[in-house]
Amino acid sequence: MNTNQDDTTSSINSLQLSELDPASITALSDNLANTPIIPEFLKESVNVVLSFLRKNILNLVINQRQNNN
């Protein structure tokens, strides 16, 4: 068994990916659902939680900076 790793540095450096164009993405199957994968109410719930966390983290940072001064 060969335990030597191949040198992939040159291939990694030469790999150039174009920028993703969402308009050019197409479905690969006709059997995909027409409805969103994540229901709207779940998106709203996640956004509420994220908003709450952002606000509290920001308040923690501000309080920490005030306590350090």
C-alpha atoms as a PDB file:
ATOM      1  CA  MET A   1       0.000   0.000   0.000  1.00  0.00           C
ATOM      2  CA  ASN A   2       1.372   3.406  -0.936  1.00  0.00           C
ATOM      3  CA  THR A   3       1.154   5.844   1.982  1.00  0.00           C
ATOM      4  CA  ASN A   4       2.737   8.766   0.135  1.00  0.00           C
ATOM      5  CA  GLN A   5       0.389  11.644  -0.513  1.00  0.00           C
ATOM      6  CA  ASP A   6       0.209  13.081  -3.993  1.00  0.00           C
ATOM      7  CA  ASP A   7       1.384  16.653  -4.386  1.00  0.00           C
ATOM      8  CA  THR A   8      -1.830  18.510  -5.182  1.00  0.00           C
ATOM      9  CA  THR A   9      -0.466  22.027  -4.659  1.00  0.00           C
ATOM     10  CA  SER A  10      -0.068  22.765  -8.354  1.00  0.00           C
ATOM     11  CA  SER A  11      -3.538  21.544  -9.223  1.00  0.00           C
ATOM     12  CA  ILE A  12      -5.114  23.556  -6.380  1.00  0.00           C
ATOM     13  CA  ASN A  13      -3.313  26.711  -7.448  1.00  0.00           C
ATOM     14  CA  SER A  14      -4.387  26.307 -11.057  1.00  0.00           C
ATOM     15  CA  LEU A  15      -8.044  25.646 -10.276  1.00  0.00           C
ATOM     16  CA  GLN A  16     -10.033  28.707 -11.313  1.00  0.00           C
ATOM     17  CA  LEU A  17     -13.746  28.697 -10.591  1.00  0.00           C
ATOM     18  CA  SER A  18     -16.004  31.229 -12.192  1.00  0.00           C
ATOM     19  CA  GLU A  19     -18.338  33.286 -10.044  1.00  0.00           C
ATOM     20  CA  LEU A  20     -21.663  31.619  -9.365  1.00  0.00           C
ATOM     21  CA  ASP A  21     -24.514  32.963 -11.473  1.00  0.00           C
ATOM     22  CA  PRO A  22     -27.834  32.041  -9.790  1.00  0.00           C
ATOM     23  CA  ALA A  23     -29.736  32.715 -13.014  1.00  0.00           C
ATOM     24  CA  SER A  24     -27.886  29.895 -14.748  1.00  0.00           C
ATOM     25  CA  ILE A  25     -28.695  27.251 -12.125  1.00  0.00           C
ATOM     26  CA  THR A  26     -31.306  24.773 -13.303  1.00  0.00           C
ATOM     27  CA  ALA A  27     -32.918  21.798 -11.627  1.00  0.00           C
ATOM     28  CA  LEU A  28     -31.526  18.420 -12.590  1.00  0.00           C
ATOM     29  CA  SER A  29     -34.810  16.636 -11.950  1.00  0.00           C
ATOM     30  CA  ASP A  30     -38.418  17.158 -12.973  1.00  0.00           C
ATOM     31  CA  ASN A  31     -39.494  15.562  -9.683  1.00  0.00           C
ATOM     32  CA  LEU A  32     -38.509  18.456  -7.440  1.00  0.00           C
ATOM     33  CA  ALA A  33     -41.194  20.032  -5.276  1.00  0.00           C
ATOM     34  CA  ASN A  34     -42.620  23.374  -6.346  1.00  0.00           C
ATOM     35  CA  THR A  35     -42.951  24.543  -2.756  1.00  0.00           C
ATOM     36  CA  PRO A  36     -40.059  25.968  -0.744  1.00  0.00           C
ATOM     37  CA  ILE A  37     -38.054  23.433   1.220  1.00  0.00           C
ATOM     38  CA  ILE A  38     -38.272  25.521   4.406  1.00  0.00           C
ATOM     39  CA  PRO A  39     -41.805  26.646   5.244  1.00  0.00           C
ATOM     40  CA  GLU A  40     -42.319  30.387   5.636  1.00  0.00           C
ATOM     41  CA  PHE A  41     -43.314  30.157   9.308  1.00  0.00           C
ATOM     42  CA  LEU A  42     -40.070  28.346  10.067  1.00  0.00           C
ATOM     43  CA  LYS A  43     -38.037  31.021   8.273  1.00  0.00           C
ATOM     44  CA  GLU A  44     -39.785  33.672  10.354  1.00  0.00           C
ATOM     45  CA  SER A  45     -39.088  31.763  13.569  1.00  0.00           C
ATOM     46  CA  VAL A  46     -35.417  31.376  12.716  1.00  0.00           C
ATOM     47  CA  ASN A  47     -35.171  35.070  11.852  1.00  0.00           C
ATOM     48  CA  VAL A  48     -36.703  36.007  15.222  1.00  0.00           C
ATOM     49  CA  VAL A  49     -34.205  33.822  17.060  1.00  0.00           C
ATOM     50  CA  LEU A  50     -31.280  35.205  15.050  1.00  0.00           C
ATOM     51  CA  SER A  51     -32.424  38.763  15.683  1.00  0.00           C
ATOM     52  CA  PHE A  52     -32.685  38.047  19.413  1.00  0.00           C
ATOM     53  CA  LEU A  53     -29.188  36.513  19.479  1.00  0.00           C
ATOM     54  CA  ARG A  54     -27.641  39.370  17.490  1.00  0.00           C
ATOM     55  CA  LYS A  55     -29.159  41.955  19.797  1.00  0.00           C
ATOM     56  CA  ASN A  56     -28.034  40.135  22.938  1.00  0.00           C
ATOM     57  CA  ILE A  57     -24.539  39.473  21.645  1.00  0.00           C
ATOM     58  CA  LEU A  58     -24.221  43.138  20.694  1.00  0.00           C
ATOM     59  CA  ASN A  59     -25.376  44.152  24.189  1.00  0.00           C
ATOM     60  CA  LEU A  60     -22.865  41.761  25.756  1.00  0.00           C
ATOM     61  CA  VAL A  61     -20.037  43.240  23.707  1.00  0.00           C
ATOM     62  CA  ILE A  62     -21.059  46.789  24.590  1.00  0.00           C
ATOM     63  CA  ASN A  63     -21.327  45.937  28.295  1.00  0.00           C
ATOM     64  CA  GLN A  64     -17.978  44.198  28.256  1.00  0.00           C
ATOM     65  CA  ARG A  65     -16.298  47.189  26.640  1.00  0.00           C
ATOM     66  CA  GLN A  66     -17.909  49.558  29.156  1.00  0.00           C
ATOM     67  CA  ASN A  67     -16.746  47.366  32.051  1.00  0.00           C
ATOM     68  CA  ASN A  68     -13.201  47.317  30.679  1.00  0.00           C
ATOM     69  CA  ASN A  69     -13.020  51.128  30.557  1.00  0.00           C
END
